[in-house]
Amino acid sequence: MINRIAPVGNPGITRTQGKAAQQSDFGAMLQEKLLQKQTALNFSKHAMNRVEERGIELTPDLMDKLAGSVEKAQEKGAVNILAFGGEQAFIINVPHSRVITTISQEEMKEKIFTNIDAAVLL
């Protein structure tokens, strides 16, 4: 007489069903991570220094608006954008989702923005 050993785990799920569920979960997690990476906004070291020097507060709402501006710019094929808010402006490289620099309201009065192919109002 041969005794069979039951698979470890949920006895109602066969081994192939378990692998398919794991692959599906992995695929969903991978897609989520890729989406987060695409929309994640990075700050260059220069930009972070300017944020600190100029006292710009990076609130979750502002970060969402900046990420949204990058998504809109990607749809239009922009490369470098000026994301302009009432009190600050951000120059962002769209393909890398990287903030290059920030400018406070006081400094905007004297500045000329170059190498920008699009502007987005926050």
PDB file of N, CA and C in Angstrom:
ATOM      1  N   MET A   1       0.830  -1.171   0.000  1.00  0.00           N
ATOM      2  CA  MET A   1       0.000   0.000   0.000  1.00  0.00           C
ATOM      3  C   MET A   1       0.885   1.249   0.000  1.00  0.00           C
ATOM      4  N   ILE A   2       0.531   2.254  -0.855  1.00  0.00           N
ATOM      5  CA  ILE A   2       1.295   3.490  -0.970  1.00  0.00           C
ATOM      6  C   ILE A   2       0.512   4.617  -0.313  1.00  0.00           C
ATOM      7  N   ASN A   3       1.159   5.300   0.614  1.00  0.00           N
ATOM      8  CA  ASN A   3       0.540   6.475   1.240  1.00  0.00           C
ATOM      9  C   ASN A   3       1.097   7.729   0.565  1.00  0.00           C
ATOM     10  N   ARG A   4       0.205   8.573   0.117  1.00  0.00           N
ATOM     11  CA  ARG A   4       0.637   9.819  -0.525  1.00  0.00           C
ATOM     12  C   ARG A   4       0.707  10.933   0.512  1.00  0.00           C
ATOM     13  N   ILE A   5       1.701  11.787   0.334  1.00  0.00           N
ATOM     14  CA  ILE A   5       1.869  12.924   1.240  1.00  0.00           C
ATOM     15  C   ILE A   5       1.164  14.119   0.624  1.00  0.00           C
ATOM     16  N   ALA A   6       0.337  14.772   1.405  1.00  0.00           N
ATOM     17  CA  ALA A   6      -0.390  15.957   0.921  1.00  0.00           C
ATOM     18  C   ALA A   6       0.580  17.130   0.786  1.00  0.00           C
ATOM     19  N   PRO A   7       0.351  17.992  -0.216  1.00  0.00           N
ATOM     20  CA  PRO A   7       1.222  19.162  -0.362  1.00  0.00           C
ATOM     21  C   PRO A   7       1.078  20.099   0.832  1.00  0.00           C
ATOM     22  N   VAL A   8       2.165  20.768   1.136  1.00  0.00           N
ATOM     23  CA  VAL A   8       2.174  21.718   2.241  1.00  0.00           C
ATOM     24  C   VAL A   8       1.374  22.954   1.827  1.00  0.00           C
ATOM     25  N   GLY A   9       0.692  23.559   2.775  1.00  0.00           N
ATOM     26  CA  GLY A   9      -0.066  24.780   2.466  1.00  0.00           C
ATOM     27  C   GLY A   9      -1.541  24.500   2.482  1.00  0.00           C
ATOM     28  N   ASN A  10      -2.286  25.248   1.711  1.00  0.00           N
ATOM     29  CA  ASN A  10      -3.736  25.115   1.650  1.00  0.00           C
ATOM     30  C   ASN A  10      -4.089  23.834   0.904  1.00  0.00           C
ATOM     31  N   PRO A  11      -4.765  22.890   1.564  1.00  0.00           N
ATOM     32  CA  PRO A  11      -5.053  21.614   0.912  1.00  0.00           C
ATOM     33  C   PRO A  11      -6.026  21.753  -0.254  1.00  0.00           C
ATOM     34  N   GLY A  12      -6.776  22.833  -0.332  1.00  0.00           N
ATOM     35  CA  GLY A  12      -7.726  23.020  -1.424  1.00  0.00           C
ATOM     36  C   GLY A  12      -7.086  23.576  -2.683  1.00  0.00           C
ATOM     37  N   ILE A  13      -5.824  23.960  -2.630  1.00  0.00           N
ATOM     38  CA  ILE A  13      -5.143  24.545  -3.786  1.00  0.00           C
ATOM     39  C   ILE A  13      -4.071  23.586  -4.252  1.00  0.00           C
ATOM     40  N   THR A  14      -4.114  23.255  -5.524  1.00  0.00           N
ATOM     41  CA  THR A  14      -3.088  22.365  -6.056  1.00  0.00           C
ATOM     42  C   THR A  14      -1.790  23.137  -6.216  1.00  0.00           C
ATOM     43  N   ARG A  15      -0.734  22.418  -6.432  1.00  0.00           N
ATOM     44  CA  ARG A  15       0.588  23.036  -6.549  1.00  0.00           C
ATOM     45  C   ARG A  15       0.639  24.005  -7.737  1.00  0.00           C
ATOM     46  N   THR A  16       0.043  23.654  -8.860  1.00  0.00           N
ATOM     47  CA  THR A  16       0.070  24.541 -10.027  1.00  0.00           C
ATOM     48  C   THR A  16      -0.791  25.771  -9.796  1.00  0.00           C
ATOM     49  N   GLN A  17      -1.918  25.626  -9.086  1.00  0.00           N
ATOM     50  CA  GLN A  17      -2.746  26.793  -8.767  1.00  0.00           C
ATOM     51  C   GLN A  17      -1.989  27.741  -7.853  1.00  0.00           C
ATOM     52  N   GLY A  18      -1.240  27.198  -6.907  1.00  0.00           N
ATOM     53  CA  GLY A  18      -0.464  28.021  -5.985  1.00  0.00           C
ATOM     54  C   GLY A  18       0.612  28.811  -6.713  1.00  0.00           C
ATOM     55  N   LYS A  19       1.285  28.166  -7.677  1.00  0.00           N
ATOM     56  CA  LYS A  19       2.309  28.860  -8.450  1.00  0.00           C
ATOM     57  C   LYS A  19       1.696  29.966  -9.297  1.00  0.00           C
ATOM     58  N   ALA A  20       0.539  29.703  -9.882  1.00  0.00           N
ATOM     59  CA  ALA A  20      -0.122  30.722 -10.708  1.00  0.00           C
ATOM     60  C   ALA A  20      -0.520  31.921  -9.852  1.00  0.00           C
ATOM     61  N   ALA A  21      -1.002  31.658  -8.646  1.00  0.00           N
ATOM     62  CA  ALA A  21      -1.379  32.749  -7.749  1.00  0.00           C
ATOM     63  C   ALA A  21      -0.150  33.553  -7.343  1.00  0.00           C
ATOM     64  N   GLN A  22       0.960  32.860  -7.074  1.00  0.00           N
ATOM     65  CA  GLN A  22       2.189  33.555  -6.707  1.00  0.00           C
ATOM     66  C   GLN A  22       2.695  34.403  -7.866  1.00  0.00           C
ATOM     67  N   GLN A  23       2.640  33.863  -9.084  1.00  0.00           N
ATOM     68  CA  GLN A  23       3.090  34.619 -10.253  1.00  0.00           C
ATOM     69  C   GLN A  23       2.199  35.829 -10.477  1.00  0.00           C
ATOM     70  N   SER A  24       0.896  35.654 -10.280  1.00  0.00           N
ATOM     71  CA  SER A  24      -0.035  36.756 -10.442  1.00  0.00           C
ATOM     72  C   SER A  24       0.241  37.842  -9.402  1.00  0.00           C
ATOM     73  N   ASP A  25       0.468  37.439  -8.157  1.00  0.00           N
ATOM     74  CA  ASP A  25       0.800  38.395  -7.100  1.00  0.00           C
ATOM     75  C   ASP A  25       2.113  39.111  -7.418  1.00  0.00           C
ATOM     76  N   PHE A  26       3.088  38.361  -7.884  1.00  0.00           N
ATOM     77  CA  PHE A  26       4.372  38.954  -8.230  1.00  0.00           C
ATOM     78  C   PHE A  26       4.201  39.959  -9.368  1.00  0.00           C
ATOM     79  N   GLY A  27       3.429  39.599 -10.375  1.00  0.00           N
ATOM     80  CA  GLY A  27       3.189  40.491 -11.506  1.00  0.00           C
ATOM     81  C   GLY A  27       2.514  41.778 -11.070  1.00  0.00           C
ATOM     82  N   ALA A  28       1.544  41.663 -10.184  1.00  0.00           N
ATOM     83  CA  ALA A  28       0.851  42.847  -9.680  1.00  0.00           C
ATOM     84  C   ALA A  28       1.802  43.726  -8.876  1.00  0.00           C
ATOM     85  N   MET A  29       2.640  43.095  -8.045  1.00  0.00           N
ATOM     86  CA  MET A  29       3.599  43.869  -7.257  1.00  0.00           C
ATOM     87  C   MET A  29       4.622  44.545  -8.160  1.00  0.00           C
ATOM     88  N   LEU A  30       5.065  43.854  -9.194  1.00  0.00           N
ATOM     89  CA  LEU A  30       6.031  44.425 -10.128  1.00  0.00           C
ATOM     90  C   LEU A  30       5.432  45.629 -10.854  1.00  0.00           C
ATOM     91  N   GLN A  31       4.200  45.502 -11.320  1.00  0.00           N
ATOM     92  CA  GLN A  31       3.532  46.617 -11.993  1.00  0.00           C
ATOM     93  C   GLN A  31       3.388  47.813 -11.060  1.00  0.00           C
ATOM     94  N   GLU A  32       3.041  47.560  -9.817  1.00  0.00           N
ATOM     95  CA  GLU A  32       2.892  48.632  -8.833  1.00  0.00           C
ATOM     96  C   GLU A  32       4.221  49.348  -8.605  1.00  0.00           C
ATOM     97  N   LYS A  33       5.290  48.582  -8.465  1.00  0.00           N
ATOM     98  CA  LYS A  33       6.612  49.178  -8.245  1.00  0.00           C
ATOM     99  C   LYS A  33       7.059  49.985  -9.462  1.00  0.00           C
ATOM    100  N   LEU A  34       6.811  49.457 -10.662  1.00  0.00           N
ATOM    101  CA  LEU A  34       7.182  50.183 -11.870  1.00  0.00           C
ATOM    102  C   LEU A  34       6.405  51.488 -11.985  1.00  0.00           C
ATOM    103  N   LEU A  35       5.132  51.453 -11.652  1.00  0.00           N
ATOM    104  CA  LEU A  35       4.316  52.670 -11.689  1.00  0.00           C
ATOM    105  C   LEU A  35       4.818  53.675 -10.668  1.00  0.00           C
ATOM    106  N   GLN A  36       5.161  53.217  -9.469  1.00  0.00           N
ATOM    107  CA  GLN A  36       5.697  54.116  -8.451  1.00  0.00           C
ATOM    108  C   GLN A  36       7.004  54.727  -8.918  1.00  0.00           C
ATOM    109  N   LYS A  37       7.845  53.920  -9.561  1.00  0.00           N
ATOM    110  CA  LYS A  37       9.128  54.424 -10.029  1.00  0.00           C
ATOM    111  C   LYS A  37       8.935  55.470 -11.122  1.00  0.00           C
ATOM    112  N   GLN A  38       7.952  55.261 -11.988  1.00  0.00           N
ATOM    113  CA  GLN A  38       7.700  56.210 -13.065  1.00  0.00           C
ATOM    114  C   GLN A  38       7.198  57.538 -12.535  1.00  0.00           C
ATOM    115  N   THR A  39       6.381  57.515 -11.501  1.00  0.00           N
ATOM    116  CA  THR A  39       5.788  58.744 -11.000  1.00  0.00           C
ATOM    117  C   THR A  39       6.546  59.322  -9.810  1.00  0.00           C
ATOM    118  N   ALA A  40       7.516  58.580  -9.288  1.00  0.00           N
ATOM    119  CA  ALA A  40       8.285  59.096  -8.158  1.00  0.00           C
ATOM    120  C   ALA A  40       9.115  60.287  -8.617  1.00  0.00           C
ATOM    121  N   LEU A  41       9.109  61.326  -7.834  1.00  0.00           N
ATOM    122  CA  LEU A  41       9.821  62.546  -8.162  1.00  0.00           C
ATOM    123  C   LEU A  41      11.085  62.611  -7.322  1.00  0.00           C
ATOM    124  N   ASN A  42      12.205  62.774  -7.978  1.00  0.00           N
ATOM    125  CA  ASN A  42      13.494  62.868  -7.309  1.00  0.00           C
ATOM    126  C   ASN A  42      13.980  64.306  -7.336  1.00  0.00           C
ATOM    127  N   PHE A  43      14.766  64.675  -6.353  1.00  0.00           N
ATOM    128  CA  PHE A  43      15.360  66.002  -6.289  1.00  0.00           C
ATOM    129  C   PHE A  43      16.867  65.858  -6.416  1.00  0.00           C
ATOM    130  N   SER A  44      17.454  66.655  -7.282  1.00  0.00           N
ATOM    131  CA  SER A  44      18.911  66.668  -7.376  1.00  0.00           C
ATOM    132  C   SER A  44      19.469  67.260  -6.087  1.00  0.00           C
ATOM    133  N   LYS A  45      20.739  67.056  -5.865  1.00  0.00           N
ATOM    134  CA  LYS A  45      21.384  67.614  -4.676  1.00  0.00           C
ATOM    135  C   LYS A  45      21.279  69.142  -4.701  1.00  0.00           C
ATOM    136  N   HIS A  46      21.474  69.724  -5.878  1.00  0.00           N
ATOM    137  CA  HIS A  46      21.346  71.174  -6.046  1.00  0.00           C
ATOM    138  C   HIS A  46      19.943  71.641  -5.662  1.00  0.00           C
ATOM    139  N   ALA A  47      18.932  70.940  -6.144  1.00  0.00           N
ATOM    140  CA  ALA A  47      17.545  71.317  -5.847  1.00  0.00           C
ATOM    141  C   ALA A  47      17.262  71.219  -4.348  1.00  0.00           C
ATOM    142  N   MET A  48      17.756  70.169  -3.704  1.00  0.00           N
ATOM    143  CA  MET A  48      17.531  70.028  -2.262  1.00  0.00           C
ATOM    144  C   MET A  48      18.214  71.153  -1.489  1.00  0.00           C
ATOM    145  N   ASN A  49      19.412  71.546  -1.926  1.00  0.00           N
ATOM    146  CA  ASN A  49      20.080  72.680  -1.288  1.00  0.00           C
ATOM    147  C   ASN A  49      19.249  73.946  -1.442  1.00  0.00           C
ATOM    148  N   ARG A  50      18.680  74.168  -2.633  1.00  0.00           N
ATOM    149  CA  ARG A  50      17.865  75.363  -2.876  1.00  0.00           C
ATOM    150  C   ARG A  50      16.578  75.340  -2.054  1.00  0.00           C
ATOM    151  N   VAL A  51      15.991  74.172  -1.902  1.00  0.00           N
ATOM    152  CA  VAL A  51      14.778  74.041  -1.081  1.00  0.00           C
ATOM    153  C   VAL A  51      15.080  74.482   0.343  1.00  0.00           C
ATOM    154  N   GLU A  52      16.206  74.013   0.877  1.00  0.00           N
ATOM    155  CA  GLU A  52      16.582  74.368   2.246  1.00  0.00           C
ATOM    156  C   GLU A  52      16.928  75.852   2.357  1.00  0.00           C
ATOM    157  N   GLU A  53      17.729  76.355   1.427  1.00  0.00           N
ATOM    158  CA  GLU A  53      18.145  77.757   1.465  1.00  0.00           C
ATOM    159  C   GLU A  53      16.963  78.713   1.357  1.00  0.00           C
ATOM    160  N   ARG A  54      16.006  78.357   0.532  1.00  0.00           N
ATOM    161  CA  ARG A  54      14.890  79.255   0.232  1.00  0.00           C
ATOM    162  C   ARG A  54      13.673  79.003   1.111  1.00  0.00           C
ATOM    163  N   GLY A  55      13.773  78.045   1.996  1.00  0.00           N
ATOM    164  CA  GLY A  55      12.696  77.774   2.931  1.00  0.00           C
ATOM    165  C   GLY A  55      11.411  77.305   2.264  1.00  0.00           C
ATOM    166  N   ILE A  56      11.538  76.532   1.201  1.00  0.00           N
ATOM    167  CA  ILE A  56      10.369  76.006   0.492  1.00  0.00           C
ATOM    168  C   ILE A  56       9.906  74.746   1.196  1.00  0.00           C
ATOM    169  N   GLU A  57       8.637  74.716   1.559  1.00  0.00           N
ATOM    170  CA  GLU A  57       8.079  73.569   2.263  1.00  0.00           C
ATOM    171  C   GLU A  57       7.519  72.578   1.248  1.00  0.00           C
ATOM    172  N   LEU A  58       8.033  71.369   1.268  1.00  0.00           N
ATOM    173  CA  LEU A  58       7.588  70.323   0.347  1.00  0.00           C
ATOM    174  C   LEU A  58       6.489  69.504   1.008  1.00  0.00           C
ATOM    175  N   THR A  59       5.266  69.989   0.915  1.00  0.00           N
ATOM    176  CA  THR A  59       4.118  69.314   1.506  1.00  0.00           C
ATOM    177  C   THR A  59       3.681  68.144   0.613  1.00  0.00           C
ATOM    178  N   PRO A  60       2.958  67.185   1.168  1.00  0.00           N
ATOM    179  CA  PRO A  60       2.442  66.089   0.331  1.00  0.00           C
ATOM    180  C   PRO A  60       1.577  66.605  -0.825  1.00  0.00           C
ATOM    181  N   ASP A  61       0.795  67.658  -0.579  1.00  0.00           N
ATOM    182  CA  ASP A  61      -0.043  68.225  -1.627  1.00  0.00           C
ATOM    183  C   ASP A  61       0.823  68.793  -2.755  1.00  0.00           C
ATOM    184  N   LEU A  62       1.867  69.510  -2.404  1.00  0.00           N
ATOM    185  CA  LEU A  62       2.767  70.073  -3.410  1.00  0.00           C
ATOM    186  C   LEU A  62       3.462  68.954  -4.183  1.00  0.00           C
ATOM    187  N   MET A  63       3.905  67.917  -3.498  1.00  0.00           N
ATOM    188  CA  MET A  63       4.569  66.795  -4.164  1.00  0.00           C
ATOM    189  C   MET A  63       3.621  66.103  -5.147  1.00  0.00           C
ATOM    190  N   ASP A  64       2.339  65.969  -4.756  1.00  0.00           N
ATOM    191  CA  ASP A  64       1.342  65.376  -5.656  1.00  0.00           C
ATOM    192  C   ASP A  64       1.158  66.241  -6.897  1.00  0.00           C
ATOM    193  N   LYS A  65       1.113  67.556  -6.702  1.00  0.00           N
ATOM    194  CA  LYS A  65       0.958  68.466  -7.835  1.00  0.00           C
ATOM    195  C   LYS A  65       2.156  68.396  -8.769  1.00  0.00           C
ATOM    196  N   LEU A  66       3.353  68.335  -8.195  1.00  0.00           N
ATOM    197  CA  LEU A  66       4.561  68.227  -9.012  1.00  0.00           C
ATOM    198  C   LEU A  66       4.576  66.914  -9.800  1.00  0.00           C
ATOM    199  N   ALA A  67       4.222  65.814  -9.148  1.00  0.00           N
ATOM    200  CA  ALA A  67       4.177  64.518  -9.826  1.00  0.00           C
ATOM    201  C   ALA A  67       3.128  64.541 -10.938  1.00  0.00           C
ATOM    202  N   GLY A  68       1.992  65.178 -10.680  1.00  0.00           N
ATOM    203  CA  GLY A  68       0.952  65.309 -11.698  1.00  0.00           C
ATOM    204  C   GLY A  68       1.421  66.135 -12.884  1.00  0.00           C
ATOM    205  N   SER A  69       2.195  67.176 -12.602  1.00  0.00           N
ATOM    206  CA  SER A  69       2.711  68.007 -13.697  1.00  0.00           C
ATOM    207  C   SER A  69       3.687  67.218 -14.560  1.00  0.00           C
ATOM    208  N   VAL A  70       4.460  66.346 -13.952  1.00  0.00           N
ATOM    209  CA  VAL A  70       5.393  65.505 -14.712  1.00  0.00           C
ATOM    210  C   VAL A  70       4.607  64.528 -15.596  1.00  0.00           C
ATOM    211  N   GLU A  71       3.548  63.940 -15.054  1.00  0.00           N
ATOM    212  CA  GLU A  71       2.729  63.013 -15.845  1.00  0.00           C
ATOM    213  C   GLU A  71       2.106  63.722 -17.044  1.00  0.00           C
ATOM    214  N   LYS A  72       1.564  64.917 -16.820  1.00  0.00           N
ATOM    215  CA  LYS A  72       0.975  65.682 -17.927  1.00  0.00           C
ATOM    216  C   LYS A  72       2.021  66.025 -18.972  1.00  0.00           C
ATOM    217  N   ALA A  73       3.202  66.415 -18.522  1.00  0.00           N
ATOM    218  CA  ALA A  73       4.271  66.778 -19.441  1.00  0.00           C
ATOM    219  C   ALA A  73       4.746  65.563 -20.238  1.00  0.00           C
ATOM    220  N   GLN A  74       4.776  64.389 -19.605  1.00  0.00           N
ATOM    221  CA  GLN A  74       5.163  63.172 -20.313  1.00  0.00           C
ATOM    222  C   GLN A  74       4.186  62.880 -21.442  1.00  0.00           C
ATOM    223  N   GLU A  75       2.905  63.080 -21.173  1.00  0.00           N
ATOM    224  CA  GLU A  75       1.886  62.844 -22.195  1.00  0.00           C
ATOM    225  C   GLU A  75       2.087  63.749 -23.400  1.00  0.00           C
ATOM    226  N   LYS A  76       2.571  64.950 -23.183  1.00  0.00           N
ATOM    227  CA  LYS A  76       2.781  65.917 -24.261  1.00  0.00           C
ATOM    228  C   LYS A  76       4.171  65.821 -24.884  1.00  0.00           C
ATOM    229  N   GLY A  77       5.032  64.991 -24.320  1.00  0.00           N
ATOM    230  CA  GLY A  77       6.371  64.815 -24.871  1.00  0.00           C
ATOM    231  C   GLY A  77       7.371  65.876 -24.444  1.00  0.00           C
ATOM    232  N   ALA A  78       7.095  66.586 -23.385  1.00  0.00           N
ATOM    233  CA  ALA A  78       8.020  67.621 -22.900  1.00  0.00           C
ATOM    234  C   ALA A  78       9.250  66.985 -22.276  1.00  0.00           C
ATOM    235  N   VAL A  79      10.350  67.722 -22.306  1.00  0.00           N
ATOM    236  CA  VAL A  79      11.598  67.231 -21.739  1.00  0.00           C
ATOM    237  C   VAL A  79      11.942  67.978 -20.457  1.00  0.00           C
ATOM    238  N   ASN A  80      11.975  69.297 -20.498  1.00  0.00           N
ATOM    239  CA  ASN A  80      12.258  70.119 -19.327  1.00  0.00           C
ATOM    240  C   ASN A  80      11.112  71.095 -19.139  1.00  0.00           C
ATOM    241  N   ILE A  81      10.522  71.076 -17.944  1.00  0.00           N
ATOM    242  CA  ILE A  81       9.364  71.936 -17.707  1.00  0.00           C
ATOM    243  C   ILE A  81       9.628  72.907 -16.557  1.00  0.00           C
ATOM    244  N   LEU A  82       8.862  73.963 -16.582  1.00  0.00           N
ATOM    245  CA  LEU A  82       8.780  74.884 -15.466  1.00  0.00           C
ATOM    246  C   LEU A  82       7.435  74.629 -14.809  1.00  0.00           C
ATOM    247  N   ALA A  83       7.443  74.081 -13.619  1.00  0.00           N
ATOM    248  CA  ALA A  83       6.215  73.881 -12.845  1.00  0.00           C
ATOM    249  C   ALA A  83       6.092  75.100 -11.945  1.00  0.00           C
ATOM    250  N   PHE A  84       5.087  75.908 -12.231  1.00  0.00           N
ATOM    251  CA  PHE A  84       4.970  77.214 -11.601  1.00  0.00           C
ATOM    252  C   PHE A  84       3.800  77.260 -10.628  1.00  0.00           C
ATOM    253  N   GLY A  85       4.120  77.557  -9.373  1.00  0.00           N
ATOM    254  CA  GLY A  85       3.101  77.774  -8.357  1.00  0.00           C
ATOM    255  C   GLY A  85       3.124  79.244  -7.971  1.00  0.00           C
ATOM    256  N   GLY A  86       2.211  79.676  -7.165  1.00  0.00           N
ATOM    257  CA  GLY A  86       2.128  81.078  -6.790  1.00  0.00           C
ATOM    258  C   GLY A  86       3.342  81.591  -6.047  1.00  0.00           C
ATOM    259  N   GLU A  87       3.964  80.763  -5.241  1.00  0.00           N
ATOM    260  CA  GLU A  87       5.073  81.227  -4.412  1.00  0.00           C
ATOM    261  C   GLU A  87       6.416  80.610  -4.766  1.00  0.00           C
ATOM    262  N   GLN A  88       6.422  79.622  -5.636  1.00  0.00           N
ATOM    263  CA  GLN A  88       7.676  78.991  -6.021  1.00  0.00           C
ATOM    264  C   GLN A  88       7.557  78.387  -7.415  1.00  0.00           C
ATOM    265  N   ALA A  89       8.698  78.116  -8.006  1.00  0.00           N
ATOM    266  CA  ALA A  89       8.747  77.465  -9.309  1.00  0.00           C
ATOM    267  C   ALA A  89       9.782  76.342  -9.240  1.00  0.00           C
ATOM    268  N   PHE A  90       9.543  75.317 -10.027  1.00  0.00           N
ATOM    269  CA  PHE A  90      10.430  74.164 -10.062  1.00  0.00           C
ATOM    270  C   PHE A  90      10.782  73.867 -11.511  1.00  0.00           C
ATOM    271  N   ILE A  91      12.049  73.663 -11.785  1.00  0.00           N
ATOM    272  CA  ILE A  91      12.460  73.217 -13.109  1.00  0.00           C
ATOM    273  C   ILE A  91      12.698  71.724 -12.996  1.00  0.00           C
ATOM    274  N   ILE A  92      11.995  70.966 -13.853  1.00  0.00           N
ATOM    275  CA  ILE A  92      11.992  69.510 -13.739  1.00  0.00           C
ATOM    276  C   ILE A  92      12.376  68.883 -15.071  1.00  0.00           C
ATOM    277  N   ASN A  93      13.288  67.922 -15.015  1.00  0.00           N
ATOM    278  CA  ASN A  93      13.609  67.107 -16.174  1.00  0.00           C
ATOM    279  C   ASN A  93      12.604  65.963 -16.191  1.00  0.00           C
ATOM    280  N   VAL A  94      11.745  65.955 -17.192  1.00  0.00           N
ATOM    281  CA  VAL A  94      10.625  65.026 -17.234  1.00  0.00           C
ATOM    282  C   VAL A  94      11.049  63.569 -17.440  1.00  0.00           C
ATOM    283  N   PRO A  95      11.931  63.251 -18.403  1.00  0.00           N
ATOM    284  CA  PRO A  95      12.272  61.835 -18.595  1.00  0.00           C
ATOM    285  C   PRO A  95      12.829  61.157 -17.343  1.00  0.00           C
ATOM    286  N   HIS A  96      13.520  61.918 -16.500  1.00  0.00           N
ATOM    287  CA  HIS A  96      14.094  61.343 -15.285  1.00  0.00           C
ATOM    288  C   HIS A  96      13.278  61.662 -14.038  1.00  0.00           C
ATOM    289  N   SER A  97      12.159  62.397 -14.207  1.00  0.00           N
ATOM    290  CA  SER A  97      11.319  62.820 -13.064  1.00  0.00           C
ATOM    291  C   SER A  97      12.197  63.411 -11.968  1.00  0.00           C
ATOM    292  N   ARG A  98      13.051  64.337 -12.371  1.00  0.00           N
ATOM    293  CA  ARG A  98      14.034  64.903 -11.446  1.00  0.00           C
ATOM    294  C   ARG A  98      13.902  66.411 -11.396  1.00  0.00           C
ATOM    295  N   VAL A  99      13.704  66.934 -10.182  1.00  0.00           N
ATOM    296  CA  VAL A  99      13.687  68.379  -9.983  1.00  0.00           C
ATOM    297  C   VAL A  99      15.127  68.855 -10.055  1.00  0.00           C
ATOM    298  N   ILE A 100      15.376  69.795 -10.965  1.00  0.00           N
ATOM    299  CA  ILE A 100      16.733  70.289 -11.178  1.00  0.00           C
ATOM    300  C   ILE A 100      17.032  71.455 -10.247  1.00  0.00           C
ATOM    301  N   THR A 101      16.076  72.370 -10.121  1.00  0.00           N
ATOM    302  CA  THR A 101      16.251  73.497  -9.211  1.00  0.00           C
ATOM    303  C   THR A 101      14.897  74.046  -8.796  1.00  0.00           C
ATOM    304  N   THR A 102      14.914  74.851  -7.763  1.00  0.00           N
ATOM    305  CA  THR A 102      13.708  75.525  -7.279  1.00  0.00           C
ATOM    306  C   THR A 102      13.997  77.011  -7.158  1.00  0.00           C
ATOM    307  N   ILE A 103      12.951  77.794  -7.297  1.00  0.00           N
ATOM    308  CA  ILE A 103      13.098  79.244  -7.238  1.00  0.00           C
ATOM    309  C   ILE A 103      11.958  79.793  -6.390  1.00  0.00           C
ATOM    310  N   SER A 104      12.301  80.681  -5.478  1.00  0.00           N
ATOM    311  CA  SER A 104      11.272  81.296  -4.642  1.00  0.00           C
ATOM    312  C   SER A 104      10.640  82.474  -5.380  1.00  0.00           C
ATOM    313  N   GLN A 105       9.542  82.972  -4.841  1.00  0.00           N
ATOM    314  CA  GLN A 105       8.809  84.073  -5.463  1.00  0.00           C
ATOM    315  C   GLN A 105       9.686  85.320  -5.604  1.00  0.00           C
ATOM    316  N   GLU A 106      10.469  85.625  -4.603  1.00  0.00           N
ATOM    317  CA  GLU A 106      11.342  86.803  -4.647  1.00  0.00           C
ATOM    318  C   GLU A 106      12.334  86.719  -5.804  1.00  0.00           C
ATOM    319  N   GLU A 107      12.887  85.542  -6.020  1.00  0.00           N
ATOM    320  CA  GLU A 107      13.891  85.372  -7.062  1.00  0.00           C
ATOM    321  C   GLU A 107      13.289  85.357  -8.468  1.00  0.00           C
ATOM    322  N   MET A 108      12.009  85.023  -8.579  1.00  0.00           N
ATOM    323  CA  MET A 108      11.366  84.956  -9.892  1.00  0.00           C
ATOM    324  C   MET A 108      11.321  86.310 -10.580  1.00  0.00           C
ATOM    325  N   LYS A 109      11.336  87.384  -9.820  1.00  0.00           N
ATOM    326  CA  LYS A 109      11.240  88.721 -10.395  1.00  0.00           C
ATOM    327  C   LYS A 109      12.436  89.047 -11.268  1.00  0.00           C
ATOM    328  N   GLU A 110      13.564  88.458 -10.980  1.00  0.00           N
ATOM    329  CA  GLU A 110      14.801  88.805 -11.665  1.00  0.00           C
ATOM    330  C   GLU A 110      15.305  87.703 -12.594  1.00  0.00           C
ATOM    331  N   LYS A 111      14.607  86.612 -12.723  1.00  0.00           N
ATOM    332  CA  LYS A 111      15.138  85.462 -13.452  1.00  0.00           C
ATOM    333  C   LYS A 111      14.534  85.322 -14.848  1.00  0.00           C
ATOM    334  N   ILE A 112      15.337  84.758 -15.729  1.00  0.00           N
ATOM    335  CA  ILE A 112      14.903  84.347 -17.056  1.00  0.00           C
ATOM    336  C   ILE A 112      15.027  82.832 -17.084  1.00  0.00           C
ATOM    337  N   PHE A 113      13.986  82.157 -17.531  1.00  0.00           N
ATOM    338  CA  PHE A 113      13.992  80.705 -17.600  1.00  0.00           C
ATOM    339  C   PHE A 113      14.386  80.288 -19.010  1.00  0.00           C
ATOM    340  N   THR A 114      15.431  79.496 -19.134  1.00  0.00           N
ATOM    341  CA  THR A 114      15.898  79.024 -20.434  1.00  0.00           C
ATOM    342  C   THR A 114      15.860  77.500 -20.476  1.00  0.00           C
ATOM    343  N   ASN A 115      15.983  76.966 -21.679  1.00  0.00           N
ATOM    344  CA  ASN A 115      15.984  75.521 -21.909  1.00  0.00           C
ATOM    345  C   ASN A 115      14.747  74.834 -21.356  1.00  0.00           C
ATOM    346  N   ILE A 116      13.621  75.509 -21.452  1.00  0.00           N
ATOM    347  CA  ILE A 116      12.341  74.977 -20.995  1.00  0.00           C
ATOM    348  C   ILE A 116      11.479  74.777 -22.226  1.00  0.00           C
ATOM    349  N   ASP A 117      10.885  73.605 -22.388  1.00  0.00           N
ATOM    350  CA  ASP A 117      10.023  73.404 -23.539  1.00  0.00           C
ATOM    351  C   ASP A 117       8.546  73.334 -23.175  1.00  0.00           C
ATOM    352  N   ALA A 118       8.238  73.504 -21.884  1.00  0.00           N
ATOM    353  CA  ALA A 118       6.839  73.522 -21.472  1.00  0.00           C
ATOM    354  C   ALA A 118       6.740  74.162 -20.082  1.00  0.00           C
ATOM    355  N   ALA A 119       5.583  74.686 -19.796  1.00  0.00           N
ATOM    356  CA  ALA A 119       5.296  75.228 -18.470  1.00  0.00           C
ATOM    357  C   ALA A 119       3.992  74.621 -17.982  1.00  0.00           C
ATOM    358  N   VAL A 120       3.946  74.300 -16.706  1.00  0.00           N
ATOM    359  CA  VAL A 120       2.758  73.719 -16.095  1.00  0.00           C
ATOM    360  C   VAL A 120       2.418  74.563 -14.874  1.00  0.00           C
ATOM    361  N   LEU A 121       1.171  75.001 -14.787  1.00  0.00           N
ATOM    362  CA  LEU A 121       0.719  75.749 -13.617  1.00  0.00           C
ATOM    363  C   LEU A 121       0.269  74.763 -12.561  1.00  0.00           C
ATOM    364  N   LEU A 122       0.777  74.934 -11.349  1.00  0.00           N
ATOM    365  CA  LEU A 122       0.418  74.037 -10.236  1.00  0.00           C
ATOM    366  C   LEU A 122      -0.892  74.451  -9.616  1.00  0.00           C
TER     367      LEU A 122
END
